[in-house]
Amino acid sequence: MNKSFADLGVIPFFTDRLAERGITVPTQIQSLVIPELFLGRNIIFSSATGTGKTFAFLIPLFQGLLQDGPPAGGPFILVAAPTYELCSQIKKEAEFLLKGSPVKTSLLIGSANVSRQIDGLKKDKPQVIIGNPGRLLQLCRMGKLNLKKIRALVLDEGDRLVSDELYAETRELESLINKTRISVTCSATMIPKNKERLLPLLGSDVVIKESPEEEIIKKRIEHWAFYSEDRKKISTLRSLIAAVDPKKLLVFIDRNDQVGNVVSQLQFHKIAAGGLSGGMDKKGRKMALDDFRAGKIQVLVTSDLSARGLDIEGVTHIAALDVPKKAESYIHRAGRTARAGKKGVMITIGDREELPRLAAIEKKLGIVVYPKVLYKGKVCVPEE
């Protein structure tokens, strides 16, 4: 019989909040991680997308703040994440868990007005800070953010935070925090190179937890592949949308500068679509996400970085207009569907050069990718 959250030591304040969402039994990764954090251990953990990693670290860290009454001053908990959307998502989950408590949170991301963020820090004196490394470092250098009292550092999507382009910022941020804190990092994937970079940032006696819930990608997601010449991919995508009529379709393209082009061509053909790319301002990104979540648009086109860690309810289908070079990227793309126990479809549209790469990913992940064709407006199995 699965343990309950109460069996793990979670107090009624949080079990009641979880029950409001119908969450009564912890996932496997939550059962592995929550007890370790109650013991104050440094931890690095990985589990498939949609398995509750955010609550796995937020609940025990927040409970530590609440049990003796929230201390004055702060901040005491710092959560760093690589994208603005993921930071905003974590902030939303934190506010949900802390509703009715005196603990305050602050979101510090690079796309927002820095003066307003400084004013918010002065006024609210938050105990919990959530942000991307670039903006957090900027505020530290300006003397507006003091991290000396941090008790817990979380690196969410840690593999991304120690990638070549973000490693220097993450390492500098970690160096500003006292070494007696608890260190936590998590991701859906963790390649050896990134794990080696993370371990020195987490302190001594690091516990490593990995959940077999990655079976989600095999058991709850159906994988399809369509052949298309590169110049015809958007046309193929349009035909696919007409054939499947997905409730919510998230489209990936590796070139950030092509997001707008795909969106405009879909809109020209009367498909309700929006885009999410690195070049957009905060207002535009938020509007696109809000419209997609609310069902005002059927299709959201995004680059890999912009969609990192996104948790959008009701995404029934994923479509990729290219094949990633790494299996880890495929996992992150596919993981945007089949969340919260639901099923989903991962669709790849590739050309002659790309589809052999998909076959290699298929073999590495142990999944089955079914070849498909569009025939008379329907998705069909190709004839032999």
Protein backbone atom coordinates (compact mmCIF):
# COMPACT_ATOMS: atom_id res chain seq x y z
CA MET A 1 0.00 0.00 0.00
CA ASN A 2 1.35 3.44 -0.91
CA LYS A 3 2.23 5.76 1.92
CA SER A 4 0.23 8.94 2.43
CA PHE A 5 1.75 12.39 2.75
CA ALA A 6 1.01 12.23 6.48
CA ASP A 7 3.02 9.00 6.68
CA LEU A 8 5.97 10.93 5.22
CA GLY A 9 5.66 13.53 7.99
CA VAL A 10 3.81 16.24 6.05
CA ILE A 11 1.70 18.41 8.37
CA PRO A 12 -2.08 18.89 7.90
CA PHE A 13 -1.59 22.45 6.62
CA PHE A 14 -0.07 21.05 3.43
CA THR A 15 -2.04 17.80 3.17
CA ASP A 16 -5.22 19.89 3.25
CA ARG A 17 -3.90 22.12 0.49
CA LEU A 18 -2.98 19.11 -1.65
CA ALA A 19 -6.40 17.57 -1.07
CA GLU A 20 -7.96 20.65 -2.67
CA ARG A 21 -6.37 19.48 -5.93
CA GLY A 22 -7.31 15.88 -5.35
CA ILE A 23 -3.71 14.94 -4.50
CA THR A 24 -3.78 12.43 -1.65
CA VAL A 25 -1.04 9.92 -2.44
CA PRO A 26 2.58 10.99 -3.06
CA THR A 27 4.28 10.02 -6.29
CA GLN A 28 7.25 7.73 -6.11
CA ILE A 29 9.76 10.58 -6.37
CA GLN A 30 7.94 12.53 -3.66
CA SER A 31 8.11 9.50 -1.38
CA LEU A 32 11.86 9.29 -1.99
CA VAL A 33 12.71 12.99 -1.67
CA ILE A 34 10.47 14.43 1.06
CA PRO A 35 11.89 12.31 3.93
CA GLU A 36 15.47 13.15 2.89
CA LEU A 37 14.77 16.88 2.98
CA PHE A 38 13.07 16.58 6.37
CA LEU A 39 16.41 15.18 7.55
CA GLY A 40 18.22 18.18 6.09
CA ARG A 41 20.21 16.26 3.51
CA ASN A 42 21.65 17.64 0.29
CA ILE A 43 19.99 15.91 -2.63
CA ILE A 44 20.08 15.59 -6.39
CA PHE A 45 17.09 13.84 -7.92
CA SER A 46 15.64 13.09 -11.31
CA SER A 47 12.23 11.92 -12.39
CA ALA A 48 10.02 12.16 -15.44
CA THR A 49 8.13 15.35 -16.13
CA GLY A 50 4.72 15.47 -14.51
CA THR A 51 5.71 13.42 -11.44
CA GLY A 52 5.49 16.20 -8.87
CA LYS A 53 9.11 17.30 -8.50
CA THR A 54 8.18 20.86 -7.52
CA PHE A 55 6.05 19.79 -4.57
CA ALA A 56 8.73 17.23 -3.63
CA PHE A 57 11.10 20.03 -2.65
CA LEU A 58 8.70 22.88 -1.80
CA ILE A 59 6.64 21.03 0.82
CA PRO A 60 9.48 19.93 3.15
CA LEU A 61 11.35 23.24 2.80
CA PHE A 62 8.22 25.28 3.50
CA GLN A 63 7.28 23.03 6.41
CA GLY A 64 10.65 23.82 7.96
CA LEU A 65 9.78 27.51 7.84
CA LEU A 66 6.28 27.09 9.27
CA GLN A 67 6.74 24.63 12.11
CA ASP A 68 8.34 27.08 14.54
CA GLY A 69 6.64 30.11 13.06
CA PRO A 70 8.20 32.01 10.12
CA PRO A 71 11.40 33.73 11.29
CA ALA A 72 11.89 37.45 10.81
CA GLY A 73 14.19 38.73 8.12
CA GLY A 74 15.28 36.61 5.24
CA PRO A 75 15.17 35.45 2.55
CA PHE A 76 15.65 31.89 3.75
CA ILE A 77 14.79 29.80 0.69
CA LEU A 78 16.13 30.50 -2.81
CA VAL A 79 14.82 28.64 -5.86
CA ALA A 80 16.72 29.27 -9.11
CA ALA A 81 15.39 28.12 -12.48
CA PRO A 82 16.58 28.71 -16.06
CA THR A 83 13.50 30.28 -17.68
CA TYR A 84 11.07 33.02 -16.78
CA GLU A 85 8.08 30.74 -17.35
CA LEU A 86 9.40 28.03 -15.05
CA CYS A 87 10.16 30.62 -12.35
CA SER A 88 6.62 31.99 -12.65
CA GLN A 89 5.22 28.48 -12.49
CA ILE A 90 7.16 27.67 -9.30
CA LYS A 91 5.99 30.96 -7.78
CA LYS A 92 2.38 30.02 -8.52
CA GLU A 93 2.80 26.62 -6.87
CA ALA A 94 4.53 28.19 -3.88
CA GLU A 95 1.68 30.65 -3.38
CA PHE A 96 -0.82 27.81 -3.61
CA LEU A 97 0.96 25.82 -0.89
CA LEU A 98 1.49 28.85 1.36
CA LYS A 99 -2.01 30.30 1.07
CA GLY A 100 -3.21 31.27 4.53
CA SER A 101 0.32 31.39 5.97
CA PRO A 102 2.37 34.51 6.80
CA VAL A 103 5.23 33.40 4.54
CA LYS A 104 5.84 35.77 1.61
CA THR A 105 7.37 34.98 -1.75
CA SER A 106 9.01 37.14 -4.40
CA LEU A 107 9.56 36.49 -8.11
CA LEU A 108 12.79 37.97 -9.50
CA ILE A 109 13.11 37.42 -13.24
CA GLY A 110 14.98 39.29 -15.92
CA SER A 111 11.99 40.29 -18.02
CA ALA A 112 10.39 42.35 -15.23
CA ASN A 113 11.06 45.92 -14.10
CA VAL A 114 14.03 45.80 -11.74
CA SER A 115 13.00 48.94 -9.83
CA ARG A 116 9.65 47.39 -8.97
CA GLN A 117 11.40 44.24 -7.84
CA ILE A 118 13.67 46.27 -5.55
CA ASP A 119 10.66 48.08 -4.10
CA GLY A 120 8.93 44.74 -3.54
CA LEU A 121 11.93 43.35 -1.67
CA LYS A 122 11.97 46.38 0.64
CA LYS A 123 8.24 46.32 1.25
CA ASP A 124 7.49 42.60 1.55
CA LYS A 125 10.75 41.29 3.02
CA PRO A 126 10.01 37.84 1.52
CA GLN A 127 11.18 34.63 3.11
CA VAL A 128 11.15 32.80 -0.26
CA ILE A 129 12.86 34.04 -3.44
CA ILE A 130 12.31 32.50 -6.88
CA GLY A 131 14.22 33.71 -9.92
CA ASN A 132 16.66 33.17 -12.75
CA PRO A 133 20.40 33.42 -11.98
CA GLY A 134 21.00 36.49 -14.16
CA ARG A 135 18.51 38.73 -12.36
CA LEU A 136 19.37 37.32 -8.93
CA LEU A 137 23.04 38.14 -9.50
CA GLN A 138 22.18 41.61 -10.78
CA LEU A 139 20.26 42.41 -7.59
CA CYS A 140 23.06 40.98 -5.44
CA ARG A 141 25.66 43.12 -7.22
CA MET A 142 23.46 46.18 -6.70
CA GLY A 143 23.33 45.42 -2.98
CA LYS A 144 19.55 44.98 -3.10
CA LEU A 145 19.45 41.24 -2.38
CA ASN A 146 21.28 39.66 0.54
CA LEU A 147 21.64 35.88 0.48
CA LYS A 148 23.52 35.45 3.75
CA LYS A 149 20.52 33.94 5.57
CA ILE A 150 19.62 31.39 2.90
CA ARG A 151 18.93 28.03 4.52
CA ALA A 152 18.03 26.12 1.35
CA LEU A 153 19.16 26.53 -2.26
CA VAL A 154 17.16 24.80 -4.99
CA LEU A 155 18.41 24.50 -8.56
CA ASP A 156 15.33 23.48 -10.54
CA GLU A 157 16.07 22.04 -13.98
CA GLY A 158 19.61 21.78 -12.63
CA ASP A 159 20.99 20.17 -15.77
CA ARG A 160 20.05 23.30 -17.71
CA LEU A 161 21.50 25.62 -15.04
CA VAL A 162 24.93 24.02 -15.43
CA SER A 163 24.86 23.91 -19.23
CA ASP A 164 27.71 25.77 -20.90
CA GLU A 165 25.79 29.03 -21.32
CA LEU A 166 24.48 29.22 -17.72
CA TYR A 167 27.19 27.48 -15.70
CA ALA A 168 29.21 30.59 -14.83
CA GLU A 169 26.16 32.45 -13.49
CA THR A 170 24.95 29.46 -11.49
CA ARG A 171 28.37 28.89 -9.98
CA GLU A 172 28.70 32.58 -9.01
CA LEU A 173 25.23 32.58 -7.45
CA GLU A 174 26.05 29.49 -5.40
CA SER A 175 29.28 31.09 -4.17
CA LEU A 176 27.30 33.91 -2.54
CA ILE A 177 25.36 31.55 -0.27
CA ASN A 178 26.61 30.13 3.01
CA LYS A 179 27.79 26.54 2.86
CA THR A 180 25.65 25.36 5.80
CA ARG A 181 22.44 25.50 3.76
CA ILE A 182 20.54 22.53 2.33
CA SER A 183 21.16 22.10 -1.39
CA VAL A 184 18.61 20.59 -3.76
CA THR A 185 18.65 20.08 -7.51
CA CYS A 186 16.29 18.23 -9.82
CA SER A 187 15.46 17.64 -13.45
CA ALA A 188 13.69 15.20 -15.71
CA THR A 189 17.05 14.22 -17.20
CA MET A 190 20.57 14.27 -15.83
CA ILE A 191 23.50 13.43 -18.10
CA PRO A 192 26.82 12.48 -16.43
CA LYS A 193 28.60 15.69 -17.50
CA ASN A 194 25.99 17.90 -15.85
CA LYS A 195 25.81 15.73 -12.75
CA GLU A 196 29.59 16.12 -12.36
CA ARG A 197 29.21 19.90 -12.60
CA LEU A 198 26.37 19.97 -10.09
CA LEU A 199 27.87 17.85 -7.34
CA PRO A 200 30.53 20.42 -6.26
CA LEU A 201 27.80 23.05 -5.98
CA LEU A 202 25.70 20.96 -3.62
CA GLY A 203 28.11 20.46 -0.74
CA SER A 204 29.13 17.21 0.93
CA ASP A 205 27.21 13.99 1.49
CA VAL A 206 24.88 14.41 -1.46
CA VAL A 207 22.03 11.89 -1.69
CA ILE A 208 21.12 10.86 -5.25
CA LYS A 209 17.58 9.70 -5.94
CA GLU A 210 16.23 8.53 -9.28
CA SER A 211 12.68 7.39 -9.88
CA PRO A 212 11.65 4.74 -12.39
CA GLU A 213 8.62 6.88 -13.21
CA GLU A 214 10.36 7.64 -16.50
CA GLU A 215 8.19 4.73 -17.68
CA ILE A 216 5.59 7.45 -18.34
CA ILE A 217 7.23 8.17 -21.68
CA LYS A 218 6.75 4.50 -22.63
CA LYS A 219 3.37 3.71 -21.13
CA ARG A 220 1.31 6.91 -21.32
CA ILE A 221 2.67 8.58 -24.47
CA GLU A 222 2.13 7.31 -27.99
CA HIS A 223 4.93 8.29 -30.38
CA TRP A 224 4.31 9.06 -34.07
CA ALA A 225 6.66 10.02 -36.90
CA PHE A 226 5.78 11.71 -40.21
CA TYR A 227 8.15 12.19 -43.11
CA SER A 228 8.17 15.65 -44.68
CA GLU A 229 10.63 17.67 -46.72
CA ASP A 230 11.83 20.64 -44.72
CA ARG A 231 10.07 23.21 -46.91
CA LYS A 232 6.74 21.38 -46.52
CA LYS A 233 6.81 20.84 -42.75
CA ILE A 234 4.46 23.69 -41.86
CA SER A 235 2.00 22.50 -44.51
CA THR A 236 2.24 19.00 -43.03
CA LEU A 237 1.62 20.46 -39.58
CA ARG A 238 -1.51 22.24 -40.83
CA SER A 239 -2.83 19.03 -42.36
CA LEU A 240 -2.07 17.17 -39.14
CA ILE A 241 -3.99 19.73 -37.07
CA ALA A 242 -6.98 19.36 -39.41
CA ALA A 243 -6.85 15.57 -39.16
CA VAL A 244 -6.39 15.27 -35.40
CA ASP A 245 -8.10 18.46 -34.16
CA PRO A 246 -6.12 18.39 -30.89
CA LYS A 247 -7.57 20.07 -27.83
CA LYS A 248 -4.21 21.65 -27.05
CA LEU A 249 -1.17 21.23 -29.29
CA LEU A 250 2.32 22.35 -28.26
CA VAL A 251 4.66 22.70 -31.25
CA PHE A 252 8.45 22.64 -30.86
CA ILE A 253 10.98 24.07 -33.28
CA ASP A 254 14.67 24.29 -32.44
CA ARG A 255 15.24 27.64 -34.18
CA ASN A 256 14.00 30.43 -31.94
CA ASP A 257 13.86 32.86 -34.88
CA GLN A 258 11.38 30.65 -36.74
CA VAL A 259 8.68 30.64 -34.07
CA GLY A 260 7.03 33.76 -35.46
CA ASN A 261 7.10 32.41 -39.00
CA VAL A 262 5.30 29.20 -38.01
CA VAL A 263 2.71 31.14 -36.00
CA SER A 264 1.99 33.59 -38.82
CA GLN A 265 1.51 30.80 -41.36
CA LEU A 266 -0.87 28.94 -39.06
CA GLN A 267 -2.83 32.11 -38.35
CA PHE A 268 -3.03 32.88 -42.09
CA HIS A 269 -4.86 29.58 -42.50
CA LYS A 270 -7.30 30.44 -39.68
CA ILE A 271 -5.68 28.25 -37.03
CA ALA A 272 -5.79 29.80 -33.56
CA ALA A 273 -2.08 29.87 -32.74
CA GLY A 274 0.36 31.81 -30.59
CA GLY A 275 4.09 31.77 -30.05
CA LEU A 276 6.59 31.66 -27.22
CA SER A 277 10.18 32.65 -27.95
CA GLY A 278 13.19 34.12 -26.22
CA GLY A 279 12.87 37.45 -28.02
CA MET A 280 9.41 38.22 -26.63
CA ASP A 281 8.85 40.59 -23.73
CA LYS A 282 7.28 39.44 -20.48
CA LYS A 283 3.82 40.73 -21.39
CA GLY A 284 3.77 38.94 -24.75
CA ARG A 285 5.01 35.66 -23.27
CA LYS A 286 2.44 35.79 -20.47
CA MET A 287 -0.38 36.56 -22.88
CA ALA A 288 0.53 33.62 -25.12
CA LEU A 289 0.67 31.22 -22.18
CA ASP A 290 -2.54 32.53 -20.62
CA ASP A 291 -4.40 32.25 -23.94
CA PHE A 292 -3.15 28.69 -24.42
CA ARG A 293 -4.04 27.64 -20.89
CA ALA A 294 -7.51 29.18 -21.22
CA GLY A 295 -8.15 27.49 -24.57
CA LYS A 296 -8.34 30.77 -26.51
CA ILE A 297 -5.70 29.40 -28.85
CA GLN A 298 -5.42 25.77 -29.90
CA VAL A 299 -1.72 25.77 -30.82
CA LEU A 300 1.31 27.18 -29.02
CA VAL A 301 4.59 27.24 -30.95
CA THR A 302 7.76 27.40 -28.89
CA SER A 303 11.50 26.87 -28.83
CA ASP A 304 12.99 24.26 -26.49
CA LEU A 305 14.38 26.81 -24.04
CA SER A 306 11.14 28.76 -23.76
CA ALA A 307 9.17 25.61 -22.96
CA ARG A 308 11.64 24.25 -20.42
CA GLY A 309 9.73 22.95 -17.41
CA LEU A 310 6.33 24.22 -18.57
CA ASP A 311 3.37 22.57 -16.88
CA ILE A 312 0.24 23.28 -18.90
CA GLU A 313 -2.88 21.32 -18.09
CA GLY A 314 -4.67 19.57 -20.90
CA VAL A 315 -1.92 19.37 -23.55
CA THR A 316 -3.11 16.41 -25.59
CA HIS A 317 -0.51 16.46 -28.37
CA ILE A 318 3.09 17.54 -28.93
CA ALA A 319 4.44 18.16 -32.42
CA ALA A 320 8.11 18.68 -33.22
CA LEU A 321 9.20 20.21 -36.53
CA ASP A 322 12.69 18.77 -36.16
CA VAL A 323 14.49 15.94 -34.40
CA PRO A 324 16.68 16.95 -31.45
CA LYS A 325 20.29 15.84 -31.33
CA LYS A 326 19.97 14.46 -27.82
CA ALA A 327 17.51 12.02 -26.30
CA GLU A 328 17.23 14.29 -23.25
CA SER A 329 15.68 17.01 -25.40
CA TYR A 330 13.15 14.54 -26.76
CA ILE A 331 12.20 13.57 -23.19
CA HIS A 332 11.65 17.21 -22.22
CA ARG A 333 9.49 17.79 -25.30
CA ALA A 334 7.39 14.66 -24.83
CA GLY A 335 7.01 15.38 -21.14
CA ARG A 336 4.77 18.37 -21.79
CA THR A 337 1.91 15.92 -22.40
CA ALA A 338 0.56 12.93 -20.43
CA ARG A 339 0.73 14.86 -17.18
CA ALA A 340 -1.25 14.16 -14.01
CA GLY A 341 -2.00 10.58 -15.01
CA LYS A 342 -3.38 11.40 -18.47
CA LYS A 343 -2.28 10.06 -21.86
CA GLY A 344 -0.81 11.98 -24.78
CA VAL A 345 0.73 11.81 -28.24
CA MET A 346 4.23 12.91 -29.25
CA ILE A 347 4.50 13.62 -32.98
CA THR A 348 7.74 14.22 -34.85
CA ILE A 349 7.81 15.66 -38.38
CA GLY A 350 11.24 14.97 -39.87
CA ASP A 351 13.06 14.85 -43.18
CA ARG A 352 15.40 12.18 -44.59
CA GLU A 353 18.38 13.40 -42.56
CA GLU A 354 16.45 13.71 -39.28
CA LEU A 355 14.41 10.52 -39.10
CA PRO A 356 17.48 8.23 -38.72
CA ARG A 357 18.35 10.36 -35.68
CA LEU A 358 14.86 9.73 -34.31
CA ALA A 359 15.44 6.00 -34.75
CA ALA A 360 18.56 6.27 -32.59
CA ILE A 361 16.58 8.13 -29.90
CA GLU A 362 13.87 5.48 -30.10
CA LYS A 363 16.41 2.77 -29.42
CA LYS A 364 18.11 4.65 -26.59
CA LEU A 365 14.86 5.42 -24.74
CA GLY A 366 13.31 2.02 -25.35
CA ILE A 367 10.17 3.51 -26.89
CA VAL A 368 8.24 2.56 -30.02
CA VAL A 369 7.78 5.28 -32.65
CA TYR A 370 5.00 4.44 -35.11
CA PRO A 371 5.38 5.68 -38.71
CA LYS A 372 2.28 7.55 -39.86
CA VAL A 373 0.99 9.21 -43.04
CA LEU A 374 -1.82 11.61 -43.80
CA TYR A 375 -4.33 10.21 -46.27
CA LYS A 376 -7.64 11.82 -47.21
CA GLY A 377 -7.61 13.97 -44.11
CA LYS A 378 -6.87 11.15 -41.69
CA VAL A 379 -3.83 9.81 -39.83
CA CYS A 380 -3.07 6.37 -41.22
CA VAL A 381 -0.52 3.58 -41.01
CA PRO A 382 1.63 3.61 -44.19
CA GLU A 383 1.12 0.76 -46.60
CA GLU A 384 3.90 -1.82 -46.87
